Amino acid sequence: MTGGTVVHYGDFVLTTENATFKPDEDQVYAPGFVTLIGEGMKVTGVGLTGHPKERIFQLHEQVNTEVQPKHDSEASKPS
C-alpha cells in the first residue's frame, strides 16, 4: 500500500506513506513515519512492525506519545 495509507482498526487510525501487509502471516510493516491515533492518545514514530490479529505493534525509532486524560462529566459532579 502506498500514497498516504490510512488504516482504520477498531478505535485506532494508523496513517503512513506506505506499508506492507501480509494477512496470511499476520504481519504489517511500515518503514517510514507513522501516526497512530486512538481514544485519548496519539503516537508517532518511524518504522512500525506488527501483528494485527494479535493487536501487537511496535514503533522502532523517534517514538513520541501524547496521552490526553478522558473527560468524565460524571466524575466532576459533586455527590
Protein backbone atom coordinates (compact mmCIF):
# COMPACT_ATOMS: atom_id res chain seq x y z
CA MET A 1 0.00 0.00 0.00
CA THR A 2 1.42 3.37 -0.94
CA GLY A 3 0.41 7.00 -1.23
CA GLY A 4 -0.86 8.21 2.11
CA THR A 5 -2.09 4.93 3.56
CA VAL A 6 -4.81 5.21 6.23
CA VAL A 7 -5.84 2.08 8.12
CA HIS A 8 -8.86 2.05 10.46
CA TYR A 9 -8.53 -0.73 13.01
CA GLY A 10 -11.21 -0.72 15.69
CA ASP A 11 -10.92 2.58 17.56
CA PHE A 12 -7.48 3.31 16.10
CA VAL A 13 -6.43 5.08 12.90
CA LEU A 14 -2.93 4.44 11.52
CA THR A 15 -1.52 6.82 8.90
CA THR A 16 1.71 6.32 6.95
CA GLU A 17 3.08 6.88 3.44
CA ASN A 18 3.49 3.18 2.65
CA ALA A 19 3.01 -0.16 4.32
CA THR A 20 3.28 -3.86 3.56
CA PHE A 21 0.56 -6.13 4.88
CA LYS A 22 0.81 -9.92 4.76
CA PRO A 23 -2.55 -11.19 6.06
CA ASP A 24 -1.63 -14.89 5.83
CA GLU A 25 1.36 -14.24 8.11
CA ASP A 26 -0.45 -11.65 10.29
CA GLN A 27 2.32 -9.10 9.64
CA VAL A 28 2.35 -5.41 8.83
CA TYR A 29 5.45 -3.30 8.16
CA ALA A 30 5.70 0.44 7.59
CA PRO A 31 9.28 1.70 7.14
CA GLY A 32 8.60 5.44 7.32
CA PHE A 33 6.88 7.93 9.58
CA VAL A 34 3.74 6.56 11.28
CA THR A 35 0.93 8.26 13.20
CA LEU A 36 -1.43 6.18 15.34
CA ILE A 37 -4.43 7.93 16.86
CA GLY A 38 -6.86 6.35 19.30
CA GLU A 39 -9.19 7.47 22.06
CA GLY A 40 -7.21 9.87 24.23
CA MET A 41 -3.82 9.23 22.63
CA LYS A 42 -1.60 9.99 19.68
CA VAL A 43 1.61 8.05 18.98
CA THR A 44 4.13 8.91 16.27
CA GLY A 45 7.38 7.29 15.24
CA VAL A 46 9.46 5.84 12.44
CA GLY A 47 9.36 2.19 11.43
CA LEU A 48 6.38 0.10 12.51
CA THR A 49 6.09 -3.68 12.66
CA GLY A 50 3.14 -5.57 13.99
CA HIS A 51 0.71 -8.43 14.13
CA PRO A 52 -2.83 -7.05 13.66
CA LYS A 53 -4.72 -10.18 14.75
CA GLU A 54 -2.76 -10.26 18.00
CA ARG A 55 -3.05 -6.46 18.35
CA ILE A 56 0.70 -6.15 18.88
CA PHE A 57 2.53 -3.27 17.22
CA GLN A 58 5.97 -1.79 17.74
CA LEU A 59 7.40 1.56 16.67
CA HIS A 60 11.18 1.44 16.39
CA GLU A 61 12.59 4.99 16.33
CA GLN A 62 11.77 8.57 17.30
CA VAL A 63 8.69 7.49 19.26
CA ASN A 64 6.54 10.22 20.79
CA THR A 65 3.37 9.54 22.77
CA GLU A 66 0.73 12.10 23.76
CA VAL A 67 -1.91 10.96 26.24
CA GLN A 68 -4.97 13.05 26.98
CA PRO A 69 -6.99 12.12 30.07
CA LYS A 70 -10.55 11.03 29.46
CA HIS A 71 -13.03 13.73 30.43
CA ASP A 72 -15.77 12.20 32.52
CA SER A 73 -18.54 14.68 33.27
CA GLU A 74 -19.95 12.34 35.94
CA ALA A 75 -16.65 12.35 37.85
CA SER A 76 -16.66 16.15 38.07
CA LYS A 77 -20.17 16.40 39.57
CA PRO A 78 -20.39 16.85 43.37
CA SER A 79 -22.07 14.00 45.28
